[in-house]
N, C-alpha and C. Protein backbone atom coordinates (compact mmCIF):
# COMPACT_ATOMS: atom_id res chain seq x y z
N MET A 1 79.77 -79.82 -9.21
CA MET A 1 79.97 -81.42 -10.58
C MET A 1 79.45 -82.31 -10.44
N LEU A 2 80.47 -82.70 -9.00
CA LEU A 2 80.82 -83.74 -8.62
C LEU A 2 79.51 -84.59 -7.86
N LYS A 3 79.00 -84.14 -7.02
CA LYS A 3 78.27 -83.76 -6.21
C LYS A 3 77.55 -85.32 -6.29
N GLY A 4 77.25 -86.44 -6.15
CA GLY A 4 76.80 -87.50 -6.22
C GLY A 4 77.27 -88.82 -7.06
N HIS A 5 78.71 -87.91 -8.18
CA HIS A 5 79.12 -88.89 -8.73
C HIS A 5 80.12 -89.54 -8.31
N LEU A 6 80.80 -88.54 -7.30
CA LEU A 6 81.98 -88.94 -7.20
C LEU A 6 82.62 -90.53 -7.10
N ASP A 7 81.47 -91.40 -6.23
CA ASP A 7 82.22 -92.85 -6.17
C ASP A 7 82.03 -93.70 -7.59
N MET A 8 81.64 -92.72 -8.43
CA MET A 8 81.96 -93.30 -9.89
C MET A 8 82.84 -93.78 -10.11
N ILE A 9 83.11 -92.27 -9.94
CA ILE A 9 84.39 -92.28 -10.33
C ILE A 9 85.55 -92.68 -10.08
N VAL A 10 85.44 -92.80 -8.86
CA VAL A 10 86.72 -93.65 -7.82
C VAL A 10 86.49 -94.57 -8.42
N LEU A 11 85.27 -95.71 -8.30
CA LEU A 11 85.79 -96.73 -8.94
C LEU A 11 86.10 -96.91 -10.92
N ALA A 12 85.95 -95.50 -11.42
CA ALA A 12 86.38 -96.09 -13.01
C ALA A 12 87.65 -95.53 -12.87
N ALA A 13 88.39 -95.36 -11.93
CA ALA A 13 90.12 -94.47 -11.69
C ALA A 13 90.59 -96.51 -11.61
N LEU A 14 89.95 -97.15 -10.36
CA LEU A 14 90.87 -98.58 -10.35
C LEU A 14 89.98 -99.61 -11.47
N ALA A 15 89.63 -99.34 -12.14
CA ALA A 15 88.88 -100.37 -13.30
C ALA A 15 90.22 -100.91 -14.16
N ALA A 16 91.66 -99.98 -14.63
CA ALA A 16 92.32 -100.32 -14.96
C ALA A 16 92.77 -101.49 -13.73
N GLY A 17 92.92 -101.57 -12.34
CA GLY A 17 93.70 -102.25 -12.07
C GLY A 17 94.05 -101.46 -10.28
N SER A 18 94.44 -102.16 -9.58
CA SER A 18 94.45 -101.72 -7.90
C SER A 18 95.71 -100.39 -7.83
N ALA A 19 95.34 -99.36 -7.14
CA ALA A 19 96.09 -98.39 -6.56
C ALA A 19 96.45 -97.87 -4.84
N HIS A 20 96.75 -97.04 -4.61
CA HIS A 20 96.94 -96.88 -3.84
C HIS A 20 96.29 -94.64 -3.98
N GLY A 21 95.95 -94.71 -2.61
CA GLY A 21 94.75 -93.46 -2.50
C GLY A 21 95.41 -92.06 -3.64
N TYR A 22 97.21 -91.94 -3.82
CA TYR A 22 97.34 -90.61 -4.28
C TYR A 22 97.46 -91.70 -5.34
N ALA A 23 97.81 -93.13 -6.56
CA ALA A 23 97.69 -92.63 -7.03
C ALA A 23 96.68 -92.54 -8.08
N VAL A 24 95.49 -93.10 -7.06
CA VAL A 24 94.12 -92.40 -7.67
C VAL A 24 93.68 -91.31 -7.67
N ILE A 25 94.22 -90.17 -6.92
CA ILE A 25 94.27 -89.06 -7.56
C ILE A 25 95.01 -88.91 -8.44
N GLU A 26 96.30 -88.98 -8.38
CA GLU A 26 96.41 -88.89 -10.61
C GLU A 26 95.97 -89.55 -11.43
N GLU A 27 95.50 -90.53 -10.65
CA GLU A 27 94.43 -91.23 -12.28
C GLU A 27 93.10 -90.50 -12.44
N ILE A 28 92.48 -89.42 -11.37
CA ILE A 28 92.12 -89.10 -12.43
C ILE A 28 92.14 -87.71 -12.44
N LYS A 29 92.99 -87.14 -12.20
CA LYS A 29 93.62 -86.13 -12.73
C LYS A 29 93.66 -86.43 -14.36
N ARG A 30 94.43 -87.07 -14.30
CA ARG A 30 95.15 -87.19 -15.54
C ARG A 30 93.85 -87.86 -16.73
N ARG A 31 92.90 -88.42 -16.36
CA ARG A 31 91.56 -88.98 -17.68
C ARG A 31 90.65 -88.42 -17.14
N SER A 32 90.90 -87.31 -17.24
CA SER A 32 89.76 -85.61 -16.70
C SER A 32 90.62 -84.52 -17.55
N GLY A 33 92.22 -84.31 -18.09
CA GLY A 33 92.36 -83.88 -18.03
C GLY A 33 92.78 -82.66 -17.72
N GLY A 34 92.85 -82.89 -16.71
CA GLY A 34 93.72 -82.33 -15.12
C GLY A 34 91.94 -81.35 -14.23
N ALA A 35 90.73 -81.55 -15.41
CA ALA A 35 89.57 -81.08 -14.88
C ALA A 35 89.30 -81.47 -13.16
N PHE A 36 89.43 -82.46 -13.15
CA PHE A 36 89.18 -82.89 -11.37
C PHE A 36 90.69 -83.02 -10.79
N ASP A 37 91.10 -82.41 -10.16
CA ASP A 37 92.54 -82.39 -8.93
C ASP A 37 92.10 -82.49 -7.98
N LEU A 38 91.65 -83.28 -7.28
CA LEU A 38 90.02 -83.38 -6.17
C LEU A 38 91.70 -83.78 -4.78
N PRO A 39 91.19 -83.27 -3.82
CA PRO A 39 92.22 -83.24 -2.70
C PRO A 39 91.99 -84.45 -1.71
N GLU A 40 93.09 -84.87 -1.12
CA GLU A 40 93.07 -86.68 -0.30
C GLU A 40 92.32 -86.56 0.51
N GLY A 41 91.59 -85.18 0.94
CA GLY A 41 90.60 -84.77 2.31
C GLY A 41 89.11 -85.22 1.18
N THR A 42 88.80 -85.06 -0.22
CA THR A 42 87.76 -85.88 -0.77
C THR A 42 87.90 -87.74 -1.18
N ILE A 43 89.66 -88.07 -1.63
CA ILE A 43 89.42 -89.15 -1.99
C ILE A 43 89.78 -90.38 -0.46
N TYR A 44 90.20 -89.89 0.32
CA TYR A 44 90.22 -91.29 1.11
C TYR A 44 88.90 -91.73 1.79
N PRO A 45 88.32 -90.48 2.58
CA PRO A 45 86.72 -91.06 2.55
C PRO A 45 86.00 -91.75 1.61
N ALA A 46 86.30 -91.26 0.60
CA ALA A 46 85.54 -92.20 -1.07
C ALA A 46 85.81 -93.20 -0.68
N LEU A 47 87.54 -93.47 -0.42
CA LEU A 47 87.88 -95.25 -0.37
C LEU A 47 87.85 -95.81 0.50
N HIS A 48 87.24 -94.85 2.12
CA HIS A 48 87.34 -96.21 3.12
C HIS A 48 85.45 -96.54 3.23
N ARG A 49 84.20 -95.51 2.43
CA ARG A 49 82.66 -95.71 2.34
C ARG A 49 83.11 -96.96 0.91
N LEU A 50 83.98 -96.46 -0.14
CA LEU A 50 83.38 -97.82 -1.22
C LEU A 50 83.86 -98.96 -0.80
N GLU A 51 85.10 -99.18 0.01
CA GLU A 51 85.27 -100.25 1.02
C GLU A 51 84.50 -101.25 1.83
N GLN A 52 83.69 -100.39 2.70
CA GLN A 52 82.56 -100.67 3.91
C GLN A 52 81.76 -100.73 2.60
N ALA A 53 81.26 -100.64 1.79
CA ALA A 53 80.12 -101.03 0.77
C ALA A 53 80.61 -102.02 0.25
N GLY A 54 81.67 -102.95 0.07
CA GLY A 54 82.24 -103.74 -0.65
C GLY A 54 82.74 -104.57 -1.70
N LEU A 55 82.69 -102.59 -2.15
CA LEU A 55 82.72 -102.74 -3.71
C LEU A 55 84.18 -102.12 -3.64
N LEU A 56 85.12 -102.04 -3.61
CA LEU A 56 86.81 -102.30 -2.71
C LEU A 56 87.50 -103.47 -1.95
N SER A 57 88.35 -103.61 -1.86
CA SER A 57 88.72 -103.92 -0.41
C SER A 57 89.94 -103.50 -0.50
N SER A 58 90.82 -103.63 0.43
CA SER A 58 92.68 -103.25 0.32
C SER A 58 93.26 -104.20 0.79
N ARG A 59 94.54 -104.20 0.70
CA ARG A 59 95.56 -104.83 1.25
C ARG A 59 97.14 -103.48 1.41
N TRP A 60 97.67 -104.28 2.65
CA TRP A 60 98.91 -103.29 2.92
C TRP A 60 99.78 -103.65 1.76
N THR A 61 100.34 -103.17 0.52
CA THR A 61 101.84 -103.40 0.32
C THR A 61 102.43 -102.33 0.71
N THR A 62 104.34 -103.11 0.45
CA THR A 62 105.61 -102.10 0.42
C THR A 62 105.96 -101.91 -0.52
N ALA A 63 106.07 -100.22 -0.85
CA ALA A 63 106.34 -99.92 -2.32
C ALA A 63 108.57 -100.04 -2.10
N ASP A 64 109.15 -100.44 -3.74
CA ASP A 64 110.73 -100.30 -3.35
C ASP A 64 111.72 -99.17 -2.78
N SER A 65 110.67 -98.33 -1.71
CA SER A 65 111.25 -97.49 -1.05
C SER A 65 111.15 -97.91 0.35
N GLY A 66 110.46 -98.78 0.77
CA GLY A 66 110.08 -98.93 1.75
C GLY A 66 109.09 -98.49 2.58
N ARG A 67 108.26 -97.63 1.74
CA ARG A 67 107.14 -97.61 2.19
C ARG A 67 106.01 -98.11 2.16
N ARG A 68 105.14 -98.01 3.35
CA ARG A 68 104.05 -98.92 2.78
C ARG A 68 102.70 -98.35 2.09
N ARG A 69 101.88 -98.77 1.66
CA ARG A 69 100.75 -98.06 1.33
C ARG A 69 99.48 -99.30 1.10
N ARG A 70 98.68 -98.37 1.48
CA ARG A 70 97.18 -99.69 1.59
C ARG A 70 96.94 -99.54 -0.03
N VAL A 71 96.27 -100.85 -0.77
CA VAL A 71 96.10 -100.70 -2.01
C VAL A 71 94.48 -100.93 -2.66
N TYR A 72 93.53 -100.49 -3.22
CA TYR A 72 92.72 -100.79 -3.41
C TYR A 72 92.36 -101.61 -4.32
N PRO A 73 91.45 -102.66 -4.92
CA PRO A 73 91.25 -103.24 -6.10
C PRO A 73 89.87 -102.87 -6.07
N LEU A 74 89.02 -103.42 -7.22
CA LEU A 74 87.93 -103.76 -7.04
C LEU A 74 87.14 -104.77 -6.54
N THR A 75 86.73 -104.86 -6.46
CA THR A 75 85.95 -106.77 -6.21
C THR A 75 85.10 -106.39 -7.12
N ASN A 76 84.09 -107.75 -6.92
CA ASN A 76 83.14 -107.97 -8.46
C ASN A 76 81.91 -107.08 -8.06
N ALA A 77 81.72 -106.95 -7.18
CA ALA A 77 80.34 -106.07 -6.53
C ALA A 77 81.07 -104.47 -7.34
N GLY A 78 81.97 -104.44 -6.76
CA GLY A 78 82.72 -103.11 -7.82
C GLY A 78 82.78 -102.62 -9.52
N ASN A 79 83.08 -103.64 -9.70
CA ASN A 79 82.61 -103.81 -11.15
C ASN A 79 81.31 -103.46 -11.81
N ARG A 80 80.44 -104.75 -10.92
CA ARG A 80 78.96 -104.52 -11.44
C ARG A 80 78.68 -102.86 -11.15
N ALA A 81 79.42 -102.77 -9.84
CA ALA A 81 78.72 -101.29 -9.41
C ALA A 81 79.11 -100.29 -10.35
N LEU A 82 80.35 -100.60 -10.97
CA LEU A 82 80.84 -99.14 -12.13
C LEU A 82 80.17 -99.43 -12.86
N VAL A 83 80.14 -100.75 -13.68
CA VAL A 83 78.86 -101.28 -14.80
C VAL A 83 77.58 -100.34 -14.83
N GLU A 84 76.33 -100.99 -13.69
CA GLU A 84 75.18 -100.13 -13.20
C GLU A 84 75.07 -98.52 -13.09
N ARG A 85 76.25 -97.49 -12.73
CA ARG A 85 76.29 -96.26 -12.71
C ARG A 85 76.46 -95.93 -14.10
N HIS A 86 77.80 -96.36 -15.06
CA HIS A 86 78.03 -95.58 -15.86
C HIS A 86 76.63 -95.77 -17.26
N ALA A 87 75.92 -97.19 -16.29
CA ALA A 87 74.41 -96.53 -17.91
C ALA A 87 73.29 -95.87 -16.93
N VAL A 88 73.45 -95.88 -15.99
CA VAL A 88 72.53 -94.46 -15.33
C VAL A 88 73.10 -92.78 -15.81
N TRP A 89 75.07 -93.09 -15.94
CA TRP A 89 74.71 -91.84 -16.21
C TRP A 89 74.95 -91.52 -17.96
N ARG A 90 75.48 -92.65 -18.75
CA ARG A 90 75.34 -92.49 -19.82
C ARG A 90 73.33 -91.95 -20.68
N GLN A 91 72.59 -92.50 -19.65
CA GLN A 91 71.03 -92.24 -19.57
C GLN A 91 70.53 -90.59 -19.22
N PHE A 92 71.63 -90.20 -18.04
CA PHE A 92 71.61 -88.82 -17.73
C PHE A 92 71.86 -87.99 -18.53
N SER A 93 73.27 -88.14 -19.52
CA SER A 93 73.99 -87.41 -20.38
C SER A 93 73.09 -87.59 -21.48
N ASP A 94 73.07 -88.02 -22.10
CA ASP A 94 71.85 -88.56 -23.28
C ASP A 94 70.57 -87.93 -23.11
N ALA A 95 69.79 -87.22 -21.77
CA ALA A 95 68.74 -87.33 -22.05
C ALA A 95 69.46 -85.75 -21.52
N ILE A 96 70.04 -85.16 -21.20
CA ILE A 96 70.23 -83.94 -20.87
C ILE A 96 70.82 -83.26 -22.56
N THR A 97 72.19 -84.18 -23.30
CA THR A 97 72.12 -83.91 -24.82
C THR A 97 70.75 -83.71 -25.53
N GLY A 98 70.05 -84.86 -24.67
CA GLY A 98 68.64 -84.66 -26.50
C GLY A 98 67.90 -83.00 -25.59
N LEU A 99 68.10 -82.58 -24.25
CA LEU A 99 67.66 -81.55 -24.19
C LEU A 99 68.03 -79.90 -24.79
N LEU A 100 69.41 -80.00 -24.65
CA LEU A 100 70.39 -78.54 -24.57
C LEU A 100 70.25 -78.99 -26.52
N ALA A 101 70.12 -79.57 -27.09
CA ALA A 101 70.34 -80.13 -28.55
C ALA A 101 68.99 -79.15 -29.12
N GLY A 102 67.58 -79.03 -28.46
CA GLY A 102 66.99 -78.10 -28.88
C GLY A 102 66.50 -76.50 -28.42
N THR A 103 67.43 -76.74 -27.86
CA THR A 103 67.47 -75.23 -27.29
C THR A 103 68.65 -74.21 -27.65
N ARG A 104 68.18 -73.08 -28.04
CA ARG A 104 68.92 -71.96 -28.34
C ARG A 104 68.95 -71.15 -27.65
N PRO A 105 70.21 -70.42 -26.67
CA PRO A 105 70.47 -69.43 -26.33
C PRO A 105 70.19 -68.08 -26.28
N ARG A 106 69.79 -67.54 -25.39
CA ARG A 106 68.69 -66.47 -25.18
C ARG A 106 69.57 -65.36 -25.02
N GLU A 107 68.92 -64.18 -26.56
CA GLU A 107 69.78 -63.09 -26.41
C GLU A 107 69.77 -62.18 -24.93
N ASN A 108 69.52 -61.48 -24.67
CA ASN A 108 70.20 -60.58 -23.80
C ASN A 108 69.32 -59.52 -24.39
N PRO A 109 68.15 -59.60 -23.21
CA PRO A 109 67.69 -58.59 -23.35
C PRO A 109 67.51 -56.63 -23.32
N ALA A 110 69.28 -56.65 -22.40
CA ALA A 110 69.73 -55.31 -22.32
C ALA A 110 70.23 -54.28 -23.42
């Protein structure tokens, strides 16, 4: 289900503000009601890809614990991309809803 939508999901998680990778994972999990519990091996490559595309930037910060973390904020281009992808998603979702609204589950012939 996530195929093709991961970038939009990551952008949406960062729309509220900058976050480090693990916080992005937790935000996606929280906002999806636990439906999307994505591994680091999925999120970090997406963050790097989105940064290379100019949709995110990054900077190093030091937490109160002294641990250094890379924090990712959306760029202006990232905000625009999120708005565009959200519009495409809404059109897709509305189309699927329309298709399903006129159907009934088929009875099992057995």
